[in-house]
PDB file of N, CA and C in Angstrom:
ATOM      1  N   MET A   1      67.641 -16.024 124.602  1.00  0.00           N
ATOM      2  CA  MET A   1      67.773 -14.764 123.899  1.00  0.00           C
ATOM      3  C   MET A   1      66.596 -13.876 124.246  1.00  0.00           C
ATOM      4  N   ASP A   2      66.851 -12.607 124.320  1.00  0.00           N
ATOM      5  CA  ASP A   2      65.794 -11.649 124.616  1.00  0.00           C
ATOM      6  C   ASP A   2      65.644 -10.679 123.459  1.00  0.00           C
ATOM      7  N   VAL A   3      64.424 -10.405 123.097  1.00  0.00           N
ATOM      8  CA  VAL A   3      64.142  -9.411 122.080  1.00  0.00           C
ATOM      9  C   VAL A   3      63.641  -8.180 122.803  1.00  0.00           C
ATOM     10  N   GLU A   4      64.170  -7.021 122.445  1.00  0.00           N
ATOM     11  CA  GLU A   4      63.718  -5.795 123.084  1.00  0.00           C
ATOM     12  C   GLU A   4      62.327  -5.455 122.585  1.00  0.00           C
ATOM     13  N   LEU A   5      61.346  -5.627 123.449  1.00  0.00           N
ATOM     14  CA  LEU A   5      59.969  -5.394 123.053  1.00  0.00           C
ATOM     15  C   LEU A   5      59.671  -3.924 122.822  1.00  0.00           C
ATOM     16  N   SER A   6      60.489  -3.048 123.383  1.00  0.00           N
ATOM     17  CA  SER A   6      60.259  -1.616 123.171  1.00  0.00           C
ATOM     18  C   SER A   6      60.466  -1.223 121.717  1.00  0.00           C
ATOM     19  N   LYS A   7      61.209  -2.041 120.964  1.00  0.00           N
ATOM     20  CA  LYS A   7      61.460  -1.731 119.554  1.00  0.00           C
ATOM     21  C   LYS A   7      60.384  -2.301 118.637  1.00  0.00           C
ATOM     22  N   LEU A   8      59.485  -3.104 119.179  1.00  0.00           N
ATOM     23  CA  LEU A   8      58.421  -3.676 118.363  1.00  0.00           C
ATOM     24  C   LEU A   8      57.382  -2.618 118.054  1.00  0.00           C
ATOM     25  N   PRO A   9      56.698  -2.723 116.911  1.00  0.00           N
ATOM     26  CA  PRO A   9      55.731  -1.703 116.508  1.00  0.00           C
ATOM     27  C   PRO A   9      54.526  -1.600 117.425  1.00  0.00           C
ATOM     28  N   SER A  10      54.209  -2.642 118.167  1.00  0.00           N
ATOM     29  CA  SER A  10      53.011  -2.617 119.000  1.00  0.00           C
ATOM     30  C   SER A  10      53.308  -2.139 120.426  1.00  0.00           C
ATOM     31  N   ALA A  11      54.401  -1.429 120.624  1.00  0.00           N
ATOM     32  CA  ALA A  11      54.813  -1.004 121.961  1.00  0.00           C
ATOM     33  C   ALA A  11      53.798  -0.071 122.619  1.00  0.00           C
ATOM     34  N   ALA A  12      52.970   0.609 121.859  1.00  0.00           N
ATOM     35  CA  ALA A  12      52.013   1.548 122.429  1.00  0.00           C
ATOM     36  C   ALA A  12      50.806   0.839 123.045  1.00  0.00           C
ATOM     37  N   ASP A  13      50.481  -0.344 122.583  1.00  0.00           N
ATOM     38  CA  ASP A  13      49.309  -1.071 123.052  1.00  0.00           C
ATOM     39  C   ASP A  13      49.727  -2.158 124.045  1.00  0.00           C
ATOM     40  N   PRO A  14      49.375  -2.022 125.335  1.00  0.00           N
ATOM     41  CA  PRO A  14      49.794  -3.009 126.342  1.00  0.00           C
ATOM     42  C   PRO A  14      49.252  -4.417 126.075  1.00  0.00           C
ATOM     43  N   ALA A  15      48.052  -4.524 125.514  1.00  0.00           N
ATOM     44  CA  ALA A  15      47.488  -5.846 125.233  1.00  0.00           C
ATOM     45  C   ALA A  15      48.309  -6.566 124.164  1.00  0.00           C
ATOM     46  N   LYS A  16      48.702  -5.817 123.120  1.00  0.00           N
ATOM     47  CA  LYS A  16      49.526  -6.416 122.068  1.00  0.00           C
ATOM     48  C   LYS A  16      50.908  -6.769 122.598  1.00  0.00           C
ATOM     49  N   MET A  17      51.430  -5.933 123.490  1.00  0.00           N
ATOM     50  CA  MET A  17      52.735  -6.201 124.099  1.00  0.00           C
ATOM     51  C   MET A  17      52.698  -7.514 124.880  1.00  0.00           C
ATOM     52  N   ALA A  18      51.645  -7.706 125.672  1.00  0.00           N
ATOM     53  CA  ALA A  18      51.519  -8.914 126.484  1.00  0.00           C
ATOM     54  C   ALA A  18      51.383 -10.143 125.587  1.00  0.00           C
ATOM     55  N   LYS A  19      50.604 -10.007 124.543  1.00  0.00           N
ATOM     56  CA  LYS A  19      50.411 -11.120 123.605  1.00  0.00           C
ATOM     57  C   LYS A  19      51.731 -11.467 122.912  1.00  0.00           C
ATOM     58  N   MET A  20      52.461 -10.438 122.487  1.00  0.00           N
ATOM     59  CA  MET A  20      53.740 -10.659 121.823  1.00  0.00           C
ATOM     60  C   MET A  20      54.745 -11.301 122.781  1.00  0.00           C
ATOM     61  N   GLN A  21      54.742 -10.859 124.033  1.00  0.00           N
ATOM     62  CA  GLN A  21      55.640 -11.425 125.049  1.00  0.00           C
ATOM     63  C   GLN A  21      55.319 -12.908 125.267  1.00  0.00           C
ATOM     64  N   ALA A  22      54.028 -13.244 125.289  1.00  0.00           N
ATOM     65  CA  ALA A  22      53.623 -14.638 125.464  1.00  0.00           C
ATOM     66  C   ALA A  22      54.090 -15.492 124.288  1.00  0.00           C
ATOM     67  N   ILE A  23      53.967 -14.959 123.090  1.00  0.00           N
ATOM     68  CA  ILE A  23      54.404 -15.699 121.898  1.00  0.00           C
ATOM     69  C   ILE A  23      55.916 -15.889 121.913  1.00  0.00           C
ATOM     70  N   LEU A  24      56.645 -14.815 122.197  1.00  0.00           N
ATOM     71  CA  LEU A  24      58.112 -14.889 122.186  1.00  0.00           C
ATOM     72  C   LEU A  24      58.645 -15.817 123.270  1.00  0.00           C
ATOM     73  N   SER A  25      57.952 -15.921 124.386  1.00  0.00           N
ATOM     74  CA  SER A  25      58.424 -16.790 125.466  1.00  0.00           C
ATOM     75  C   SER A  25      58.297 -18.265 125.091  1.00  0.00           C
ATOM     76  N   GLN A  26      57.461 -18.573 124.109  1.00  0.00           N
ATOM     77  CA  GLN A  26      57.272 -19.959 123.667  1.00  0.00           C
ATOM     78  C   GLN A  26      58.278 -20.380 122.597  1.00  0.00           C
ATOM     79  N   PHE A  27      59.034 -19.429 122.053  1.00  0.00           N
ATOM     80  CA  PHE A  27      59.983 -19.737 120.985  1.00  0.00           C
ATOM     81  C   PHE A  27      61.133 -20.583 121.509  1.00  0.00           C
ATOM     82  N   THR A  28      61.597 -21.499 120.658  1.00  0.00           N
ATOM     83  CA  THR A  28      62.829 -22.222 120.959  1.00  0.00           C
ATOM     84  C   THR A  28      64.004 -21.302 120.614  1.00  0.00           C
ATOM     85  N   GLU A  29      65.185 -21.744 120.964  1.00  0.00           N
ATOM     86  CA  GLU A  29      66.388 -20.947 120.667  1.00  0.00           C
ATOM     87  C   GLU A  29      66.535 -20.728 119.156  1.00  0.00           C
ATOM     88  N   GLU A  30      66.268 -21.765 118.381  1.00  0.00           N
ATOM     89  CA  GLU A  30      66.380 -21.669 116.926  1.00  0.00           C
ATOM     90  C   GLU A  30      65.322 -20.718 116.358  1.00  0.00           C
ATOM     91  N   GLN A  31      64.101 -20.809 116.862  1.00  0.00           N
ATOM     92  CA  GLN A  31      63.039 -19.928 116.391  1.00  0.00           C
ATOM     93  C   GLN A  31      63.344 -18.474 116.736  1.00  0.00           C
ATOM     94  N   MET A  32      63.871 -18.247 117.926  1.00  0.00           N
ATOM     95  CA  MET A  32      64.204 -16.887 118.346  1.00  0.00           C
ATOM     96  C   MET A  32      65.314 -16.318 117.473  1.00  0.00           C
ATOM     97  N   SER A  33      66.281 -17.142 117.132  1.00  0.00           N
ATOM     98  CA  SER A  33      67.367 -16.695 116.263  1.00  0.00           C
ATOM     99  C   SER A  33      66.823 -16.326 114.885  1.00  0.00           C
ATOM    100  N   ARG A  34      65.924 -17.156 114.346  1.00  0.00           N
ATOM    101  CA  ARG A  34      65.323 -16.856 113.047  1.00  0.00           C
ATOM    102  C   ARG A  34      64.485 -15.596 113.118  1.00  0.00           C
ATOM    103  N   TYR A  35      63.751 -15.414 114.223  1.00  0.00           N
ATOM    104  CA  TYR A  35      62.913 -14.232 114.378  1.00  0.00           C
ATOM    105  C   TYR A  35      63.771 -12.966 114.411  1.00  0.00           C
ATOM    106  N   GLU A  36      64.860 -13.009 115.144  1.00  0.00           N
ATOM    107  CA  GLU A  36      65.748 -11.846 115.214  1.00  0.00           C
ATOM    108  C   GLU A  36      66.371 -11.541 113.856  1.00  0.00           C
ATOM    109  N   SER A  37      66.736 -12.578 113.123  1.00  0.00           N
ATOM    110  CA  SER A  37      67.278 -12.373 111.773  1.00  0.00           C
ATOM    111  C   SER A  37      66.231 -11.746 110.869  1.00  0.00           C
ATOM    112  N   PHE A  38      64.993 -12.220 110.999  1.00  0.00           N
ATOM    113  CA  PHE A  38      63.890 -11.670 110.203  1.00  0.00           C
ATOM    114  C   PHE A  38      63.676 -10.200 110.524  1.00  0.00           C
ATOM    115  N   ARG A  39      63.732  -9.835 111.810  1.00  0.00           N
ATOM    116  CA  ARG A  39      63.530  -8.442 112.212  1.00  0.00           C
ATOM    117  C   ARG A  39      64.608  -7.526 111.648  1.00  0.00           C
ATOM    118  N   ARG A  40      65.847  -8.035 111.565  1.00  0.00           N
ATOM    119  CA  ARG A  40      66.957  -7.211 111.085  1.00  0.00           C
ATOM    120  C   ARG A  40      67.023  -7.141 109.566  1.00  0.00           C
ATOM    121  N   ALA A  41      66.502  -8.145 108.887  1.00  0.00           N
ATOM    122  CA  ALA A  41      66.639  -8.243 107.435  1.00  0.00           C
ATOM    123  C   ALA A  41      65.716  -7.271 106.713  1.00  0.00           C
ATOM    124  N   GLY A  42      66.086  -6.963 105.496  1.00  0.00           N
ATOM    125  CA  GLY A  42      65.263  -6.089 104.668  1.00  0.00           C
ATOM    126  C   GLY A  42      65.839  -6.003 103.272  1.00  0.00           C
ATOM    127  N   PHE A  43      65.069  -5.447 102.372  1.00  0.00           N
ATOM    128  CA  PHE A  43      65.519  -5.259 101.003  1.00  0.00           C
ATOM    129  C   PHE A  43      66.096  -3.856 100.865  1.00  0.00           C
ATOM    130  N   GLN A  44      67.140  -3.727 100.057  1.00  0.00           N
ATOM    131  CA  GLN A  44      67.733  -2.409  99.839  1.00  0.00           C
ATOM    132  C   GLN A  44      66.746  -1.544  99.062  1.00  0.00           C
ATOM    133  N   LYS A  45      66.602  -0.322  99.526  1.00  0.00           N
ATOM    134  CA  LYS A  45      65.650   0.595  98.882  1.00  0.00           C
ATOM    135  C   LYS A  45      66.000   0.868  97.428  1.00  0.00           C
ATOM    136  N   SER A  46      67.296   0.958  97.127  1.00  0.00           N
ATOM    137  CA  SER A  46      67.700   1.242  95.748  1.00  0.00           C
ATOM    138  C   SER A  46      67.310   0.091  94.817  1.00  0.00           C
ATOM    139  N   ASN A  47      67.485  -1.148  95.277  1.00  0.00           N
ATOM    140  CA  ASN A  47      67.104  -2.295  94.450  1.00  0.00           C
ATOM    141  C   ASN A  47      65.592  -2.357  94.269  1.00  0.00           C
ATOM    142  N   MET A  48      64.866  -2.083  95.328  1.00  0.00           N
ATOM    143  CA  MET A  48      63.405  -2.122  95.250  1.00  0.00           C
ATOM    144  C   MET A  48      62.891  -1.005  94.344  1.00  0.00           C
ATOM    145  N   LYS A  49      63.529   0.155  94.423  1.00  0.00           N
ATOM    146  CA  LYS A  49      63.127   1.279  93.578  1.00  0.00           C
ATOM    147  C   LYS A  49      63.362   0.950  92.106  1.00  0.00           C
ATOM    148  N   ARG A  50      64.489   0.303  91.813  1.00  0.00           N
ATOM    149  CA  ARG A  50      64.805  -0.097  90.445  1.00  0.00           C
ATOM    150  C   ARG A  50      63.792  -1.132  89.938  1.00  0.00           C
ATOM    151  N   LEU A  51      63.426  -2.087  90.792  1.00  0.00           N
ATOM    152  CA  LEU A  51      62.445  -3.096  90.419  1.00  0.00           C
ATOM    153  C   LEU A  51      61.083  -2.463  90.134  1.00  0.00           C
ATOM    154  N   LEU A  52      60.652  -1.568  91.021  1.00  0.00           N
ATOM    155  CA  LEU A  52      59.375  -0.883  90.819  1.00  0.00           C
ATOM    156  C   LEU A  52      59.382  -0.039  89.546  1.00  0.00           C
ATOM    157  N   ALA A  53      60.501   0.601  89.275  1.00  0.00           N
ATOM    158  CA  ALA A  53      60.609   1.412  88.051  1.00  0.00           C
ATOM    159  C   ALA A  53      60.492   0.531  86.812  1.00  0.00           C
ATOM    160  N   SER A  54      61.074  -0.657  86.864  1.00  0.00           N
ATOM    161  CA  SER A  54      60.992  -1.551  85.702  1.00  0.00           C
ATOM    162  C   SER A  54      59.582  -2.110  85.531  1.00  0.00           C
ATOM    163  N   ILE A  55      58.867  -2.298  86.612  1.00  0.00           N
ATOM    164  CA  ILE A  55      57.501  -2.832  86.532  1.00  0.00           C
ATOM    165  C   ILE A  55      56.520  -1.764  86.054  1.00  0.00           C
ATOM    166  N   THR A  56      56.624  -0.568  86.644  1.00  0.00           N
ATOM    167  CA  THR A  56      55.660   0.486  86.320  1.00  0.00           C
ATOM    168  C   THR A  56      56.005   1.235  85.042  1.00  0.00           C
ATOM    169  N   GLY A  57      57.273   1.227  84.666  1.00  0.00           N
ATOM    170  CA  GLY A  57      57.684   1.931  83.462  1.00  0.00           C
ATOM    171  C   GLY A  57      57.945   3.403  83.683  1.00  0.00           C
ATOM    172  N   THR A  58      57.924   3.846  84.922  1.00  0.00           N
ATOM    173  CA  THR A  58      58.205   5.241  85.237  1.00  0.00           C
ATOM    174  C   THR A  58      59.375   5.327  86.208  1.00  0.00           C
ATOM    175  N   GLN A  59      60.115   6.411  86.142  1.00  0.00           N
ATOM    176  CA  GLN A  59      61.250   6.592  87.042  1.00  0.00           C
ATOM    177  C   GLN A  59      60.850   7.316  88.326  1.00  0.00           C
ATOM    178  N   LYS A  60      59.621   7.763  88.382  1.00  0.00           N
ATOM    179  CA  LYS A  60      59.166   8.534  89.540  1.00  0.00           C
ATOM    180  C   LYS A  60      58.526   7.598  90.566  1.00  0.00           C
ATOM    181  N   ILE A  61      59.368   7.034  91.440  1.00  0.00           N
ATOM    182  CA  ILE A  61      58.914   6.129  92.488  1.00  0.00           C
ATOM    183  C   ILE A  61      59.156   6.816  93.825  1.00  0.00           C
ATOM    184  N   SER A  62      58.096   6.970  94.612  1.00  0.00           N
ATOM    185  CA  SER A  62      58.232   7.665  95.889  1.00  0.00           C
ATOM    186  C   SER A  62      58.865   6.748  96.942  1.00  0.00           C
ATOM    187  N   VAL A  63      59.474   7.357  97.939  1.00  0.00           N
ATOM    188  CA  VAL A  63      60.111   6.611  99.025  1.00  0.00           C
ATOM    189  C   VAL A  63      59.074   5.810  99.823  1.00  0.00           C
ATOM    190  N   PRO A  64      57.918   6.390 100.177  1.00  0.00           N
ATOM    191  CA  PRO A  64      56.929   5.578 100.906  1.00  0.00           C
ATOM    192  C   PRO A  64      56.473   4.345 100.121  1.00  0.00           C
ATOM    193  N   MET A  65      56.343   4.490  98.813  1.00  0.00           N
ATOM    194  CA  MET A  65      55.943   3.344  97.986  1.00  0.00           C
ATOM    195  C   MET A  65      57.008   2.254  98.047  1.00  0.00           C
ATOM    196  N   THR A  66      58.260   2.644  97.999  1.00  0.00           N
ATOM    197  CA  THR A  66      59.369   1.699  98.085  1.00  0.00           C
ATOM    198  C   THR A  66      59.353   0.970  99.419  1.00  0.00           C
ATOM    199  N   ILE A  67      59.098   1.699 100.495  1.00  0.00           N
ATOM    200  CA  ILE A  67      59.068   1.102 101.832  1.00  0.00           C
ATOM    201  C   ILE A  67      57.922   0.105 101.954  1.00  0.00           C
ATOM    202  N   VAL A  68      56.761   0.462 101.441  1.00  0.00           N
ATOM    203  CA  VAL A  68      55.595  -0.419 101.519  1.00  0.00           C
ATOM    204  C   VAL A  68      55.837  -1.709 100.741  1.00  0.00           C
ATOM    205  N   VAL A  69      56.328  -1.596  99.525  1.00  0.00           N
ATOM    206  CA  VAL A  69      56.561  -2.785  98.705  1.00  0.00           C
ATOM    207  C   VAL A  69      57.664  -3.647  99.321  1.00  0.00           C
ATOM    208  N   SER A  70      58.673  -3.019  99.905  1.00  0.00           N
ATOM    209  CA  SER A  70      59.724  -3.776 100.586  1.00  0.00           C
ATOM    210  C   SER A  70      59.151  -4.557 101.763  1.00  0.00           C
ATOM    211  N   GLY A  71      58.249  -3.924 102.505  1.00  0.00           N
ATOM    212  CA  GLY A  71      57.615  -4.604 103.635  1.00  0.00           C
ATOM    213  C   GLY A  71      56.770  -5.782 103.195  1.00  0.00           C
ATOM    214  N   ILE A  72      56.023  -5.604 102.124  1.00  0.00           N
ATOM    215  CA  ILE A  72      55.195  -6.691 101.604  1.00  0.00           C
ATOM    216  C   ILE A  72      56.076  -7.841 101.121  1.00  0.00           C
ATOM    217  N   ALA A  73      57.159  -7.502 100.435  1.00  0.00           N
ATOM    218  CA  ALA A  73      58.079  -8.535  99.953  1.00  0.00           C
ATOM    219  C   ALA A  73      58.706  -9.289 101.123  1.00  0.00           C
ATOM    220  N   LYS A  74      59.060  -8.575 102.170  1.00  0.00           N
ATOM    221  CA  LYS A  74      59.656  -9.202 103.348  1.00  0.00           C
ATOM    222  C   LYS A  74      58.665 -10.146 104.017  1.00  0.00           C
ATOM    223  N   MET A  75      57.417  -9.724 104.113  1.00  0.00           N
ATOM    224  CA  MET A  75      56.397 -10.586 104.711  1.00  0.00           C
ATOM    225  C   MET A  75      56.196 -11.850 103.865  1.00  0.00           C
ATOM    226  N   PHE A  76      56.192 -11.698 102.541  1.00  0.00           N
ATOM    227  CA  PHE A  76      56.026 -12.856 101.666  1.00  0.00           C
ATOM    228  C   PHE A  76      57.188 -13.830 101.818  1.00  0.00           C
ATOM    229  N   VAL A  77      58.404 -13.325 101.856  1.00  0.00           N
ATOM    230  CA  VAL A  77      59.570 -14.191 102.010  1.00  0.00           C
ATOM    231  C   VAL A  77      59.518 -14.902 103.364  1.00  0.00           C
ATOM    232  N   GLY A  78      59.109 -14.191 104.401  1.00  0.00           N
ATOM    233  CA  GLY A  78      58.977 -14.809 105.726  1.00  0.00           C
ATOM    234  C   GLY A  78      57.956 -15.932 105.712  1.00  0.00           C
ATOM    235  N   GLU A  79      56.823 -15.697 105.067  1.00  0.00           N
ATOM    236  CA  GLU A  79      55.778 -16.725 104.945  1.00  0.00           C
ATOM    237  C   GLU A  79      56.297 -17.921 104.153  1.00  0.00           C
ATOM    238  N   LEU A  80      57.041 -17.659 103.098  1.00  0.00           N
ATOM    239  CA  LEU A  80      57.608 -18.715 102.266  1.00  0.00           C
ATOM    240  C   LEU A  80      58.581 -19.578 103.077  1.00  0.00           C
ATOM    241  N   VAL A  81      59.428 -18.937 103.859  1.00  0.00           N
ATOM    242  CA  VAL A  81      60.419 -19.664 104.665  1.00  0.00           C
ATOM    243  C   VAL A  81      59.733 -20.486 105.753  1.00  0.00           C
ATOM    244  N   GLU A  82      58.761 -19.901 106.434  1.00  0.00           N
ATOM    245  CA  GLU A  82      58.074 -20.639 107.497  1.00  0.00           C
ATOM    246  C   GLU A  82      57.315 -21.832 106.933  1.00  0.00           C
ATOM    247  N   THR A  83      56.703 -21.680 105.780  1.00  0.00           N
ATOM    248  CA  THR A  83      56.007 -22.805 105.156  1.00  0.00           C
ATOM    249  C   THR A  83      57.016 -23.864 104.730  1.00  0.00           C
ATOM    250  N   ALA A  84      58.179 -23.444 104.244  1.00  0.00           N
ATOM    251  CA  ALA A  84      59.232 -24.400 103.878  1.00  0.00           C
ATOM    252  C   ALA A  84      59.706 -25.166 105.110  1.00  0.00           C
ATOM    253  N   ARG A  85      59.788 -24.486 106.253  1.00  0.00           N
ATOM    254  CA  ARG A  85      60.164 -25.170 107.500  1.00  0.00           C
ATOM    255  C   ARG A  85      59.114 -26.209 107.884  1.00  0.00           C
ATOM    256  N   MET A  86      57.836 -25.885 107.682  1.00  0.00           N
ATOM    257  CA  MET A  86      56.775 -26.847 107.970  1.00  0.00           C
ATOM    258  C   MET A  86      56.884 -28.052 107.040  1.00  0.00           C
ATOM    259  N   VAL A  87      57.218 -27.804 105.779  1.00  0.00           N
ATOM    260  CA  VAL A  87      57.409 -28.891 104.811  1.00  0.00           C
ATOM    261  C   VAL A  87      58.533 -29.802 105.289  1.00  0.00           C
ATOM    262  N   MET A  88      59.621 -29.205 105.743  1.00  0.00           N
ATOM    263  CA  MET A  88      60.748 -29.996 106.249  1.00  0.00           C
ATOM    264  C   MET A  88      60.328 -30.840 107.448  1.00  0.00           C
ATOM    265  N   THR A  89      59.557 -30.260 108.347  1.00  0.00           N
ATOM    266  CA  THR A  89      59.103 -30.993 109.533  1.00  0.00           C
ATOM    267  C   THR A  89      58.215 -32.165 109.132  1.00  0.00           C
ATOM    268  N   GLU A  90      57.305 -31.927 108.188  1.00  0.00           N
ATOM    269  CA  GLU A  90      56.416 -32.999 107.723  1.00  0.00           C
ATOM    270  C   GLU A  90      57.203 -34.136 107.084  1.00  0.00           C
ATOM    271  N   ARG A  91      58.267 -33.805 106.399  1.00  0.00           N
ATOM    272  CA  ARG A  91      59.096 -34.821 105.737  1.00  0.00           C
ATOM    273  C   ARG A  91      60.157 -35.394 106.669  1.00  0.00           C
ATOM    274  N   ARG A  92      60.176 -34.938 107.897  1.00  0.00           N
ATOM    275  CA  ARG A  92      61.156 -35.354 108.910  1.00  0.00           C
ATOM    276  C   ARG A  92      62.590 -35.114 108.430  1.00  0.00           C
ATOM    277  N   GLU A  93      62.803 -33.942 107.859  1.00  0.00           N
ATOM    278  CA  GLU A  93      64.126 -33.554 107.391  1.00  0.00           C
ATOM    279  C   GLU A  93      64.648 -32.430 108.265  1.00  0.00           C
ATOM    280  N   SER A  94      65.956 -32.290 108.329  1.00  0.00           N
ATOM    281  CA  SER A  94      66.559 -31.212 109.115  1.00  0.00           C
ATOM    282  C   SER A  94      67.676 -30.584 108.299  1.00  0.00           C
ATOM    283  N   GLY A  95      68.241 -29.513 108.843  1.00  0.00           N
ATOM    284  CA  GLY A  95      69.311 -28.813 108.146  1.00  0.00           C
ATOM    285  C   GLY A  95      68.788 -27.587 107.438  1.00  0.00           C
ATOM    286  N   PRO A  96      69.557 -27.099 106.472  1.00  0.00           N
ATOM    287  CA  PRO A  96      69.125 -25.890 105.761  1.00  0.00           C
ATOM    288  C   PRO A  96      67.954 -26.167 104.823  1.00  0.00           C
ATOM    289  N   ILE A  97      67.227 -25.115 104.509  1.00  0.00           N
ATOM    290  CA  ILE A  97      66.118 -25.221 103.564  1.00  0.00           C
ATOM    291  C   ILE A  97      66.711 -25.419 102.165  1.00  0.00           C
ATOM    292  N   ARG A  98      66.181 -26.397 101.448  1.00  0.00           N
ATOM    293  CA  ARG A  98      66.651 -26.678 100.098  1.00  0.00           C
ATOM    294  C   ARG A  98      65.637 -26.156  99.078  1.00  0.00           C
ATOM    295  N   PRO A  99      66.050 -26.042  97.814  1.00  0.00           N
ATOM    296  CA  PRO A  99      65.122 -25.544  96.789  1.00  0.00           C
ATOM    297  C   PRO A  99      63.829 -26.348  96.683  1.00  0.00           C
ATOM    298  N   CYS A 100      63.881 -27.662  96.922  1.00  0.00           N
ATOM    299  CA  CYS A 100      62.652 -28.464  96.850  1.00  0.00           C
ATOM    300  C   CYS A 100      61.659 -28.032  97.925  1.00  0.00           C
ATOM    301  N   HIS A 101      62.163 -27.598  99.082  1.00  0.00           N
ATOM    302  CA  HIS A 101      61.282 -27.112 100.156  1.00  0.00           C
ATOM    303  C   HIS A 101      60.645 -25.782  99.761  1.00  0.00           C
ATOM    304  N   ILE A 102      61.421 -24.913  99.147  1.00  0.00           N
ATOM    305  CA  ILE A 102      60.906 -23.609  98.708  1.00  0.00           C
ATOM    306  C   ILE A 102      59.852 -23.803  97.622  1.00  0.00           C
ATOM    307  N   ARG A 103      60.123 -24.706  96.677  1.00  0.00           N
ATOM    308  CA  ARG A 103      59.142 -24.961  95.606  1.00  0.00           C
ATOM    309  C   ARG A 103      57.829 -25.486  96.172  1.00  0.00           C
ATOM    310  N   GLU A 104      57.916 -26.435  97.120  1.00  0.00           N
ATOM    311  CA  GLU A 104      56.701 -26.975  97.729  1.00  0.00           C
ATOM    312  C   GLU A 104      55.975 -25.902  98.537  1.00  0.00           C
ATOM    313  N   SER A 105      56.740 -25.072  99.226  1.00  0.00           N
ATOM    314  CA  SER A 105      56.165 -23.968  99.984  1.00  0.00           C
ATOM    315  C   SER A 105      55.422 -23.002  99.067  1.00  0.00           C
ATOM    316  N   TYR A 106      56.043 -22.659  97.963  1.00  0.00           N
ATOM    317  CA  TYR A 106      55.426 -21.754  96.989  1.00  0.00           C
ATOM    318  C   TYR A 106      54.140 -22.369  96.437  1.00  0.00           C
ATOM    319  N   ARG A 107      54.192 -23.666  96.128  1.00  0.00           N
ATOM    320  CA  ARG A 107      53.011 -24.360  95.609  1.00  0.00           C
ATOM    321  C   ARG A 107      51.859 -24.297  96.608  1.00  0.00           C
ATOM    322  N   ARG A 108      52.167 -24.519  97.894  1.00  0.00           N
ATOM    323  CA  ARG A 108      51.126 -24.487  98.932  1.00  0.00           C
ATOM    324  C   ARG A 108      50.556 -23.082  99.107  1.00  0.00           C
ATOM    325  N   LEU A 109      51.434 -22.081  99.105  1.00  0.00           N
ATOM    326  CA  LEU A 109      50.958 -20.710  99.245  1.00  0.00           C
ATOM    327  C   LEU A 109      50.098 -20.307  98.053  1.00  0.00           C
ATOM    328  N   LYS A 110      50.456 -20.799  96.878  1.00  0.00           N
ATOM    329  CA  LYS A 110      49.669 -20.502  95.682  1.00  0.00           C
ATOM    330  C   LYS A 110      48.283 -21.130  95.788  1.00  0.00           C
ATOM    331  N   LEU A 111      48.212 -22.354  96.303  1.00  0.00           N
ATOM    332  CA  LEU A 111      46.919 -23.019  96.495  1.00  0.00           C
ATOM    333  C   LEU A 111      46.047 -22.281  97.514  1.00  0.00           C
ATOM    334  N   GLU A 112      46.682 -21.682  98.518  1.00  0.00           N
ATOM    335  CA  GLU A 112      45.953 -20.930  99.538  1.00  0.00           C
ATOM    336  C   GLU A 112      45.544 -19.544  99.049  1.00  0.00           C
ATOM    337  N   GLY A 113      46.010 -19.151  97.871  1.00  0.00           N
ATOM    338  CA  GLY A 113      45.675 -17.836  97.336  1.00  0.00           C
ATOM    339  C   GLY A 113      46.535 -16.718  97.890  1.00  0.00           C
ATOM    340  N   LYS A 114      47.705 -17.054  98.431  1.00  0.00           N
ATOM    341  CA  LYS A 114      48.595 -16.044  99.003  1.00  0.00           C
ATOM    342  C   LYS A 114      49.647 -15.544  98.013  1.00  0.00           C
ATOM    343  N   VAL A 115      49.615 -16.079  96.788  1.00  0.00           N
ATOM    344  CA  VAL A 115      50.526 -15.622  95.737  1.00  0.00           C
ATOM    345  C   VAL A 115      49.682 -14.889  94.711  1.00  0.00           C
ATOM    346  N   PRO A 116      50.024 -13.643  94.399  1.00  0.00           N
ATOM    347  CA  PRO A 116      49.219 -12.894  93.423  1.00  0.00           C
ATOM    348  C   PRO A 116      49.285 -13.526  92.044  1.00  0.00           C
ATOM    349  N   LYS A 117      48.169 -13.446  91.347  1.00  0.00           N
ATOM    350  CA  LYS A 117      48.107 -13.984  89.990  1.00  0.00           C
ATOM    351  C   LYS A 117      48.682 -12.964  89.008  1.00  0.00           C
ATOM    352  N   ARG A 118      49.206 -13.453  87.913  1.00  0.00           N
ATOM    353  CA  ARG A 118      49.768 -12.577  86.880  1.00  0.00           C
ATOM    354  C   ARG A 118      48.650 -11.823  86.183  1.00  0.00           C
ATOM    355  N   SER A 119      48.861 -10.543  85.990  1.00  0.00           N
ATOM    356  CA  SER A 119      47.861  -9.758  85.248  1.00  0.00           C
ATOM    357  C   SER A 119      48.162  -9.785  83.746  1.00  0.00           C
ATOM    358  N   VAL A 120      49.413 -10.072  83.411  1.00  0.00           N
ATOM    359  CA  VAL A 120      49.838 -10.147  82.006  1.00  0.00           C
ATOM    360  C   VAL A 120      50.431 -11.530  81.785  1.00  0.00           C
ATOM    361  N   PRO A 121      50.017 -12.213  80.726  1.00  0.00           N
ATOM    362  CA  PRO A 121      50.588 -13.555  80.485  1.00  0.00           C
ATOM    363  C   PRO A 121      52.074 -13.480  80.134  1.00  0.00           C
ATOM    364  N   ARG A 122      52.783 -14.563  80.435  1.00  0.00           N
ATOM    365  CA  ARG A 122      54.204 -14.641  80.134  1.00  0.00           C
ATOM    366  C   ARG A 122      54.414 -14.747  78.635  1.00  0.00           C
ATOM    367  N   LEU A 123      55.481 -14.135  78.145  1.00  0.00           N
ATOM    368  CA  LEU A 123      55.796 -14.200  76.729  1.00  0.00           C
ATOM    369  C   LEU A 123      56.538 -15.483  76.386  1.00  0.00           C
ATOM    370  N   PHE A 124      57.468 -15.887  77.259  1.00  0.00           N
ATOM    371  CA  PHE A 124      58.287 -17.062  77.002  1.00  0.00           C
ATOM    372  C   PHE A 124      58.146 -18.031  78.151  1.00  0.00           C
ATOM    373  N   ARG A 125      58.272 -19.266  77.882  1.00  0.00           N
ATOM    374  CA  ARG A 125      58.160 -20.285  78.922  1.00  0.00           C
ATOM    375  C   ARG A 125      59.493 -20.844  79.255  1.00  0.00           C
TER     376      ARG A 125
END
C-alpha cells in the first residue's frame, strides 16, 4: 500500500518527508492499513461542539476550538489503540482489540501521565 506523502502535513519540509517515508516503508501491511484508517478517521464537529458546550457551560464554541479538541481526542485514541496492540503482543494474543486490552492500555497511559487528571471530583461512583 502507498500513502500519498503530498497529503501529509510535513510536505513542506524535505527532511520530515524523508523521515516519514523511511518510517512508512517499515510498516507491515496491517500497520499500513491501520495508519490509513487513522488518517481518514475523525470526530464529527457537531458532536465535539456539543461535548465542549456541555463541559464549558456555554453555547459559544468556536470552530477552531472544536478542531483542536477533535485533534487532541484523535491523538489520544490513537495512543490508546497502539498501547492496546502492544498489550496484545505482550500477552501473545491476536485478533481484535478487546475491552481488557483497552483497560490495560488506559491504566498504562495513566501511569505515564498521559491521561489528564480530573479537576472536579466525581459525584457518583
